[in-house]
Protein backbone atom coordinates (compact mmCIF):
# COMPACT_ATOMS: atom_id res chain seq x y z
CA MET A 1 0.00 0.00 0.00
CA ASN A 2 1.38 3.40 -0.90
CA ALA A 3 1.29 6.41 1.42
CA ALA A 4 -1.53 8.15 -0.46
CA GLU A 5 -3.79 5.10 -0.26
CA GLU A 6 -3.02 4.66 3.42
CA ALA A 7 -3.85 8.32 4.10
CA ARG A 8 -7.14 7.96 2.18
CA GLN A 9 -8.11 4.91 4.20
CA ILE A 10 -7.15 6.59 7.50
CA SER A 11 -9.36 9.53 6.50
CA GLN A 12 -12.23 7.11 5.92
CA VAL A 13 -11.58 5.60 9.35
CA SER A 14 -12.00 9.06 10.89
CA VAL A 15 -15.30 9.58 9.08
CA ARG A 16 -16.61 6.20 10.23
CA LEU A 17 -15.60 6.94 13.82
CA LEU A 18 -17.31 10.33 13.73
CA ASN A 19 -20.49 8.60 12.57
CA ARG A 20 -20.17 5.82 15.15
CA PHE A 21 -19.43 8.20 18.03
CA PRO A 22 -21.53 11.33 17.41
CA ALA A 23 -20.83 12.61 20.94
CA ALA A 24 -17.11 12.80 20.16
CA SER A 25 -15.74 15.99 18.68
CA ARG A 26 -13.83 16.02 15.40
CA GLU A 27 -10.73 17.06 17.36
CA ALA A 28 -11.04 14.17 19.80
CA VAL A 29 -11.45 11.64 16.99
CA GLY A 30 -8.51 13.17 15.15
CA ALA A 31 -6.33 12.97 18.25
CA VAL A 32 -7.22 9.34 18.95
CA VAL A 33 -6.67 8.35 15.32
CA GLY A 34 -3.37 10.24 15.30
CA GLU A 35 -2.21 8.38 18.43
CA ALA A 36 -3.16 5.06 16.85
CA VAL A 37 -1.33 5.88 13.61
CA ALA A 38 1.77 6.84 15.61
CA GLN A 39 1.80 3.36 17.21
CA PHE A 40 2.45 1.84 13.78
CA ALA A 41 4.92 4.45 12.50
CA GLY A 42 7.89 2.09 12.31
CA CYS A 43 6.08 -0.90 10.87
CA PRO A 44 7.47 -1.88 7.47
CA ILE A 45 4.31 -3.72 6.38
CA ARG A 46 1.57 -1.12 6.01
CA ASP A 47 -1.30 -3.11 4.46
CA PHE A 48 -3.23 -3.59 7.70
CA VAL A 49 -2.42 -0.29 9.40
CA PRO A 50 -5.82 1.34 8.63
CA LEU A 51 -7.64 -1.68 10.06
CA LEU A 52 -5.46 -1.74 13.16
CA VAL A 53 -5.84 2.01 13.60
CA GLU A 54 -9.62 1.71 13.39
CA ARG A 55 -9.70 -1.06 15.99
CA ALA A 56 -7.42 0.81 18.40
CA ALA A 57 -9.26 4.12 17.96
CA THR A 58 -12.66 2.47 18.36
CA ALA A 59 -11.58 0.85 21.62
CA LYS A 60 -10.11 4.11 22.94
CA LEU A 61 -13.14 6.22 22.00
CA GLY A 62 -15.48 3.60 23.43
CA SER A 63 -13.69 3.63 26.76
CA LEU A 64 -13.44 7.45 26.84
CA LEU A 65 -17.11 7.98 26.09
CA GLU A 66 -18.35 5.32 28.53
CA ALA A 67 -16.81 7.09 31.49
């Protein structure tokens, strides 16, 4: 996966998370997604990064909004 495709898919992840968590602000979703992306910064295989980012961000937002 090239960098442009990965960025497009990460953008789609953000949109899905905003729809799934309407109580979360755009800034909060962006911050959580950014943190998740940073976790995978050094990974040489990038094909599953958007999926892993979505899972990590969903878990984090879920736990933040439950409290």
